[in-house]
PDB file of N, CA and C in Angstrom:
ATOM      1  N   UNK A   1     -47.488 -47.618-103.429  1.00  0.00           N
ATOM      2  CA  UNK A   1     -46.662 -46.551-103.918  1.00  0.00           C
ATOM      3  C   UNK A   1     -46.148 -46.782-105.232  1.00  0.00           C
ATOM      4  N   UNK A   2     -46.003 -46.014-106.199  1.00  0.00           N
ATOM      5  CA  UNK A   2     -45.493 -46.475-107.488  1.00  0.00           C
ATOM      6  C   UNK A   2     -44.077 -47.188-107.579  1.00  0.00           C
ATOM      7  N   UNK A   3     -43.531 -47.926-108.346  1.00  0.00           N
ATOM      8  CA  UNK A   3     -42.420 -48.483-108.512  1.00  0.00           C
ATOM      9  C   UNK A   3     -41.929 -48.423-109.976  1.00  0.00           C
ATOM     10  N   UNK A   4     -40.608 -48.815-109.952  1.00  0.00           N
ATOM     11  CA  UNK A   4     -39.911 -48.871-111.216  1.00  0.00           C
ATOM     12  C   UNK A   4     -39.301 -50.095-111.272  1.00  0.00           C
ATOM     13  N   UNK A   5     -38.720 -50.534-112.512  1.00  0.00           N
ATOM     14  CA  UNK A   5     -37.904 -51.762-112.681  1.00  0.00           C
ATOM     15  C   UNK A   5     -36.681 -51.186-113.032  1.00  0.00           C
ATOM     16  N   UNK A   6     -35.607 -51.974-112.464  1.00  0.00           N
ATOM     17  CA  UNK A   6     -34.195 -51.505-112.916  1.00  0.00           C
ATOM     18  C   UNK A   6     -33.486 -52.955-113.314  1.00  0.00           C
ATOM     19  N   UNK A   7     -32.933 -52.895-114.308  1.00  0.00           N
ATOM     20  CA  UNK A   7     -32.394 -54.019-115.023  1.00  0.00           C
ATOM     21  C   UNK A   7     -31.316 -53.894-115.265  1.00  0.00           C
ATOM     22  N   UNK A   8     -30.344 -55.078-114.602  1.00  0.00           N
ATOM     23  CA  UNK A   8     -28.828 -54.848-115.081  1.00  0.00           C
ATOM     24  C   UNK A   8     -28.612 -55.733-116.111  1.00  0.00           C
ATOM     25  N   UNK A   9     -28.623 -54.968-117.579  1.00  0.00           N
ATOM     26  CA  UNK A   9     -28.121 -55.910-118.446  1.00  0.00           C
ATOM     27  C   UNK A   9     -27.229 -56.833-118.654  1.00  0.00           C
ATOM     28  N   UNK A  10     -26.115 -56.635-117.849  1.00  0.00           N
ATOM     29  CA  UNK A  10     -24.946 -57.527-117.828  1.00  0.00           C
ATOM     30  C   UNK A  10     -25.136 -58.660-116.945  1.00  0.00           C
ATOM     31  N   UNK A  11     -25.968 -58.664-115.992  1.00  0.00           N
ATOM     32  CA  UNK A  11     -26.267 -59.842-115.273  1.00  0.00           C
ATOM     33  C   UNK A  11     -27.663 -60.275-115.553  1.00  0.00           C
ATOM     34  N   UNK A  12     -28.682 -59.561-115.866  1.00  0.00           N
ATOM     35  CA  UNK A  12     -29.898 -59.949-116.131  1.00  0.00           C
ATOM     36  C   UNK A  12     -30.719 -59.769-114.906  1.00  0.00           C
ATOM     37  N   UNK A  13     -30.315 -59.109-113.664  1.00  0.00           N
ATOM     38  CA  UNK A  13     -30.962 -58.977-112.489  1.00  0.00           C
ATOM     39  C   UNK A  13     -31.808 -57.974-112.695  1.00  0.00           C
ATOM     40  N   UNK A  14     -33.194 -58.302-112.212  1.00  0.00           N
ATOM     41  CA  UNK A  14     -34.294 -57.210-112.369  1.00  0.00           C
ATOM     42  C   UNK A  14     -34.816 -56.944-110.852  1.00  0.00           C
ATOM     43  N   UNK A  15     -34.797 -55.679-110.640  1.00  0.00           N
ATOM     44  CA  UNK A  15     -35.232 -55.195-109.338  1.00  0.00           C
ATOM     45  C   UNK A  15     -36.334 -54.416-109.220  1.00  0.00           C
ATOM     46  N   UNK A  16     -37.383 -54.221-108.371  1.00  0.00           N
ATOM     47  CA  UNK A  16     -38.337 -53.482-108.234  1.00  0.00           C
ATOM     48  C   UNK A  16     -38.012 -52.347-107.308  1.00  0.00           C
ATOM     49  N   UNK A  17     -38.001 -51.176-107.331  1.00  0.00           N
ATOM     50  CA  UNK A  17     -37.844 -50.245-106.453  1.00  0.00           C
ATOM     51  C   UNK A  17     -38.807 -49.008-106.491  1.00  0.00           C
ATOM     52  N   UNK A  18     -39.348 -48.708-105.266  1.00  0.00           N
ATOM     53  CA  UNK A  18     -40.359 -47.896-104.977  1.00  0.00           C
ATOM     54  C   UNK A  18     -39.509 -46.336-105.500  1.00  0.00           C
ATOM     55  N   UNK A  19     -40.357 -45.819-106.195  1.00  0.00           N
ATOM     56  CA  UNK A  19     -40.159 -44.163-106.595  1.00  0.00           C
ATOM     57  C   UNK A  19     -40.248 -43.450-105.455  1.00  0.00           C
ATOM     58  N   UNK A  20     -38.955 -42.430-105.427  1.00  0.00           N
ATOM     59  CA  UNK A  20     -39.008 -41.403-104.274  1.00  0.00           C
ATOM     60  C   UNK A  20     -40.133 -40.194-104.740  1.00  0.00           C
ATOM     61  N   UNK A  21     -40.167 -39.599-103.483  1.00  0.00           N
ATOM     62  CA  UNK A  21     -41.035 -38.197-103.775  1.00  0.00           C
ATOM     63  C   UNK A  21     -40.699 -37.506-105.028  1.00  0.00           C
ATOM     64  N   UNK A  22     -39.551 -37.179-105.144  1.00  0.00           N
ATOM     65  CA  UNK A  22     -39.066 -36.355-106.243  1.00  0.00           C
ATOM     66  C   UNK A  22     -39.418 -36.949-107.714  1.00  0.00           C
ATOM     67  N   UNK A  23     -38.905 -38.385-107.850  1.00  0.00           N
ATOM     68  CA  UNK A  23     -39.441 -39.103-108.976  1.00  0.00           C
ATOM     69  C   UNK A  23     -41.044 -39.025-109.252  1.00  0.00           C
ATOM     70  N   UNK A  24     -41.977 -39.056-108.202  1.00  0.00           N
ATOM     71  CA  UNK A  24     -43.250 -38.938-108.346  1.00  0.00           C
ATOM     72  C   UNK A  24     -43.708 -37.713-108.903  1.00  0.00           C
ATOM     73  N   UNK A  25     -43.051 -36.786-108.081  1.00  0.00           N
ATOM     74  CA  UNK A  25     -43.361 -35.488-108.418  1.00  0.00           C
ATOM     75  C   UNK A  25     -42.920 -34.990-110.131  1.00  0.00           C
ATOM     76  N   UNK A  26     -42.079 -35.571-110.561  1.00  0.00           N
ATOM     77  CA  UNK A  26     -41.602 -35.425-111.937  1.00  0.00           C
ATOM     78  C   UNK A  26     -42.385 -36.129-112.768  1.00  0.00           C
ATOM     79  N   UNK A  27     -42.835 -37.424-112.439  1.00  0.00           N
ATOM     80  CA  UNK A  27     -43.800 -38.122-113.321  1.00  0.00           C
ATOM     81  C   UNK A  27     -44.971 -37.336-113.452  1.00  0.00           C
ATOM     82  N   UNK A  28     -45.387 -36.547-112.468  1.00  0.00           N
ATOM     83  CA  UNK A  28     -46.805 -35.931-112.648  1.00  0.00           C
ATOM     84  C   UNK A  28     -46.575 -34.665-113.249  1.00  0.00           C
ATOM     85  N   UNK A  29     -45.335 -34.053-113.036  1.00  0.00           N
ATOM     86  CA  UNK A  29     -45.125 -32.775-113.999  1.00  0.00           C
ATOM     87  C   UNK A  29     -44.900 -33.091-115.305  1.00  0.00           C
ATOM     88  N   UNK A  30     -44.456 -34.270-115.802  1.00  0.00           N
ATOM     89  CA  UNK A  30     -44.348 -34.832-117.192  1.00  0.00           C
ATOM     90  C   UNK A  30     -45.666 -34.924-117.757  1.00  0.00           C
ATOM     91  N   UNK A  31     -46.505 -35.794-116.977  1.00  0.00           N
ATOM     92  CA  UNK A  31     -47.791 -36.088-117.251  1.00  0.00           C
ATOM     93  C   UNK A  31     -48.592 -34.701-117.844  1.00  0.00           C
ATOM     94  N   UNK A  32     -48.396 -33.756-116.853  1.00  0.00           N
ATOM     95  CA  UNK A  32     -49.162 -32.590-116.971  1.00  0.00           C
ATOM     96  C   UNK A  32     -48.785 -31.917-118.279  1.00  0.00           C
ATOM     97  N   UNK A  33     -47.312 -31.956-118.351  1.00  0.00           N
ATOM     98  CA  UNK A  33     -46.875 -30.993-119.675  1.00  0.00           C
ATOM     99  C   UNK A  33     -47.271 -31.891-120.991  1.00  0.00           C
ATOM    100  N   UNK A  34     -47.281 -33.375-120.838  1.00  0.00           N
ATOM    101  CA  UNK A  34     -47.957 -34.041-121.941  1.00  0.00           C
ATOM    102  C   UNK A  34     -49.284 -33.771-122.344  1.00  0.00           C
ATOM    103  N   UNK A  35     -50.158 -33.586-121.163  1.00  0.00           N
ATOM    104  CA  UNK A  35     -51.300 -33.398-121.418  1.00  0.00           C
ATOM    105  C   UNK A  35     -51.621 -31.907-122.142  1.00  0.00           C
ATOM    106  N   UNK A  36     -50.812 -30.941-121.687  1.00  0.00           N
ATOM    107  CA  UNK A  36     -50.901 -29.543-122.051  1.00  0.00           C
ATOM    108  C   UNK A  36     -50.474 -29.485-123.678  1.00  0.00           C
ATOM    109  N   UNK A  37     -49.389 -30.336-123.877  1.00  0.00           N
ATOM    110  CA  UNK A  37     -48.958 -30.296-125.187  1.00  0.00           C
ATOM    111  C   UNK A  37     -50.020 -30.986-126.199  1.00  0.00           C
ATOM    112  N   UNK A  38     -50.539 -31.899-125.690  1.00  0.00           N
ATOM    113  CA  UNK A  38     -51.558 -32.519-126.643  1.00  0.00           C
ATOM    114  C   UNK A  38     -52.784 -31.611-126.932  1.00  0.00           C
ATOM    115  N   UNK A  39     -53.145 -31.076-125.764  1.00  0.00           N
ATOM    116  CA  UNK A  39     -54.137 -30.032-125.736  1.00  0.00           C
ATOM    117  C   UNK A  39     -53.975 -28.840-126.840  1.00  0.00           C
ATOM    118  N   UNK A  40     -52.829 -28.377-126.720  1.00  0.00           N
ATOM    119  CA  UNK A  40     -52.239 -27.354-127.524  1.00  0.00           C
ATOM    120  C   UNK A  40     -52.131 -27.800-129.180  1.00  0.00           C
ATOM    121  N   UNK A  41     -51.854 -29.054-129.184  1.00  0.00           N
ATOM    122  CA  UNK A  41     -51.749 -29.491-130.532  1.00  0.00           C
ATOM    123  C   UNK A  41     -53.096 -29.552-131.302  1.00  0.00           C
ATOM    124  N   UNK A  42     -54.070 -30.070-130.477  1.00  0.00           N
ATOM    125  CA  UNK A  42     -55.410 -30.226-130.699  1.00  0.00           C
ATOM    126  C   UNK A  42     -56.210 -29.051-131.177  1.00  0.00           C
ATOM    127  N   UNK A  43     -55.904 -28.146-130.356  1.00  0.00           N
ATOM    128  CA  UNK A  43     -56.395 -26.432-130.604  1.00  0.00           C
ATOM    129  C   UNK A  43     -55.795 -26.031-131.861  1.00  0.00           C
ATOM    130  N   UNK A  44     -54.525 -26.566-132.262  1.00  0.00           N
ATOM    131  CA  UNK A  44     -53.847 -25.913-133.291  1.00  0.00           C
ATOM    132  C   UNK A  44     -54.578 -26.553-134.375  1.00  0.00           C
ATOM    133  N   UNK A  45     -54.886 -27.658-134.465  1.00  0.00           N
ATOM    134  CA  UNK A  45     -55.401 -28.438-135.582  1.00  0.00           C
ATOM    135  C   UNK A  45     -56.740 -28.008-135.694  1.00  0.00           C
ATOM    136  N   UNK A  46     -57.772 -27.809-134.566  1.00  0.00           N
ATOM    137  CA  UNK A  46     -58.814 -27.248-134.942  1.00  0.00           C
ATOM    138  C   UNK A  46     -59.153 -25.893-135.457  1.00  0.00           C
ATOM    139  N   UNK A  47     -58.176 -24.873-135.237  1.00  0.00           N
ATOM    140  CA  UNK A  47     -57.939 -23.319-135.664  1.00  0.00           C
ATOM    141  C   UNK A  47     -57.642 -23.694-137.285  1.00  0.00           C
ATOM    142  N   UNK A  48     -56.677 -24.756-137.564  1.00  0.00           N
ATOM    143  CA  UNK A  48     -56.330 -24.664-138.894  1.00  0.00           C
ATOM    144  C   UNK A  48     -57.511 -25.216-139.634  1.00  0.00           C
ATOM    145  N   UNK A  49     -58.368 -26.192-139.127  1.00  0.00           N
ATOM    146  CA  UNK A  49     -59.498 -26.734-139.933  1.00  0.00           C
ATOM    147  C   UNK A  49     -60.386 -25.603-140.158  1.00  0.00           C
ATOM    148  N   UNK A  50     -60.619 -24.800-138.909  1.00  0.00           N
ATOM    149  CA  UNK A  50     -61.577 -23.837-139.010  1.00  0.00           C
ATOM    150  C   UNK A  50     -61.295 -22.681-140.009  1.00  0.00           C
ATOM    151  N   UNK A  51     -59.968 -22.266-140.289  1.00  0.00           N
ATOM    152  CA  UNK A  51     -59.508 -21.654-141.036  1.00  0.00           C
ATOM    153  C   UNK A  51     -59.625 -22.235-142.626  1.00  0.00           C
ATOM    154  N   UNK A  52     -59.407 -23.364-142.877  1.00  0.00           N
ATOM    155  CA  UNK A  52     -59.935 -23.933-144.110  1.00  0.00           C
ATOM    156  C   UNK A  52     -61.040 -23.736-144.511  1.00  0.00           C
ATOM    157  N   UNK A  53     -62.114 -24.041-143.318  1.00  0.00           N
ATOM    158  CA  UNK A  53     -63.348 -24.010-143.776  1.00  0.00           C
ATOM    159  C   UNK A  53     -63.922 -22.721-143.923  1.00  0.00           C
ATOM    160  N   UNK A  54     -63.283 -21.658-143.374  1.00  0.00           N
ATOM    161  CA  UNK A  54     -63.594 -20.207-143.504  1.00  0.00           C
ATOM    162  C   UNK A  54     -63.371 -19.794-145.111  1.00  0.00           C
ATOM    163  N   UNK A  55     -62.073 -20.185-145.342  1.00  0.00           N
ATOM    164  CA  UNK A  55     -61.712 -19.898-146.884  1.00  0.00           C
ATOM    165  C   UNK A  55     -62.583 -20.692-147.958  1.00  0.00           C
ATOM    166  N   UNK A  56     -63.075 -21.889-147.544  1.00  0.00           N
ATOM    167  CA  UNK A  56     -63.820 -22.878-148.415  1.00  0.00           C
ATOM    168  C   UNK A  56     -65.153 -22.128-148.656  1.00  0.00           C
ATOM    169  N   UNK A  57     -65.659 -21.494-147.374  1.00  0.00           N
ATOM    170  CA  UNK A  57     -66.900 -20.727-147.472  1.00  0.00           C
ATOM    171  C   UNK A  57     -66.913 -19.544-148.199  1.00  0.00           C
ATOM    172  N   UNK A  58     -66.074 -18.696-148.123  1.00  0.00           N
ATOM    173  CA  UNK A  58     -65.739 -17.806-149.134  1.00  0.00           C
ATOM    174  C   UNK A  58     -65.709 -17.960-150.532  1.00  0.00           C
ATOM    175  N   UNK A  59     -65.364 -19.164-150.688  1.00  0.00           N
ATOM    176  CA  UNK A  59     -65.358 -19.337-152.261  1.00  0.00           C
ATOM    177  C   UNK A  59     -66.548 -20.461-152.714  1.00  0.00           C
ATOM    178  N   UNK A  60     -67.604 -20.524-151.521  1.00  0.00           N
ATOM    179  CA  UNK A  60     -68.606 -21.190-151.905  1.00  0.00           C
ATOM    180  C   UNK A  60     -68.470 -22.658-152.087  1.00  0.00           C
ATOM    181  N   UNK A  61     -67.350 -23.273-151.530  1.00  0.00           N
ATOM    182  CA  UNK A  61     -67.294 -24.642-151.523  1.00  0.00           C
ATOM    183  C   UNK A  61     -67.113 -25.201-150.082  1.00  0.00           C
ATOM    184  N   UNK A  62     -67.380 -26.507-150.181  1.00  0.00           N
ATOM    185  CA  UNK A  62     -67.132 -27.192-148.847  1.00  0.00           C
ATOM    186  C   UNK A  62     -65.586 -27.541-148.629  1.00  0.00           C
ATOM    187  N   UNK A  63     -65.336 -27.683-147.325  1.00  0.00           N
ATOM    188  CA  UNK A  63     -63.828 -27.807-146.889  1.00  0.00           C
ATOM    189  C   UNK A  63     -63.184 -29.125-147.924  1.00  0.00           C
ATOM    190  N   UNK A  64     -64.136 -30.115-147.958  1.00  0.00           N
ATOM    191  CA  UNK A  64     -63.892 -31.562-148.655  1.00  0.00           C
ATOM    192  C   UNK A  64     -63.363 -30.955-150.227  1.00  0.00           C
ATOM    193  N   UNK A  65     -64.371 -30.305-150.764  1.00  0.00           N
ATOM    194  CA  UNK A  65     -64.185 -29.753-152.004  1.00  0.00           C
ATOM    195  C   UNK A  65     -63.029 -29.017-152.253  1.00  0.00           C
ATOM    196  N   UNK A  66     -62.737 -28.068-151.311  1.00  0.00           N
ATOM    197  CA  UNK A  66     -61.228 -27.379-151.563  1.00  0.00           C
ATOM    198  C   UNK A  66     -60.132 -28.244-151.291  1.00  0.00           C
ATOM    199  N   UNK A  67     -60.192 -29.349-150.607  1.00  0.00           N
ATOM    200  CA  UNK A  67     -58.964 -30.237-150.260  1.00  0.00           C
ATOM    201  C   UNK A  67     -58.912 -31.112-151.776  1.00  0.00           C
ATOM    202  N   UNK A  68     -59.927 -31.431-152.210  1.00  0.00           N
ATOM    203  CA  UNK A  68     -59.932 -31.929-153.717  1.00  0.00           C
ATOM    204  C   UNK A  68     -59.286 -31.238-154.694  1.00  0.00           C
ATOM    205  N   UNK A  69     -59.936 -29.976-154.752  1.00  0.00           N
ATOM    206  CA  UNK A  69     -59.208 -29.016-155.853  1.00  0.00           C
ATOM    207  C   UNK A  69     -57.678 -28.767-155.390  1.00  0.00           C
ATOM    208  N   UNK A  70     -57.292 -28.555-154.314  1.00  0.00           N
ATOM    209  CA  UNK A  70     -55.799 -28.392-153.976  1.00  0.00           C
ATOM    210  C   UNK A  70     -54.923 -29.739-153.772  1.00  0.00           C
ATOM    211  N   UNK A  71     -55.725 -30.763-153.873  1.00  0.00           N
ATOM    212  CA  UNK A  71     -55.026 -32.242-153.311  1.00  0.00           C
ATOM    213  C   UNK A  71     -54.004 -32.539-154.151  1.00  0.00           C
TER     214      UNK A  71
END
């Protein structure tokens, strides 16, 4: 079962405690949310790049040439 470390800074005591079912569920939900956010971010970046390439193509330039011109 997953565990967490609890540190008492005033005494320096360190205790390893098993996670509760609720904590495990929260970790899983957080991991799913982070994965979705990352996928959304990557999709937005890909869409932005595709838009740049489409504009460059209309102008008869490569995306790199367009970046250099606007740079």
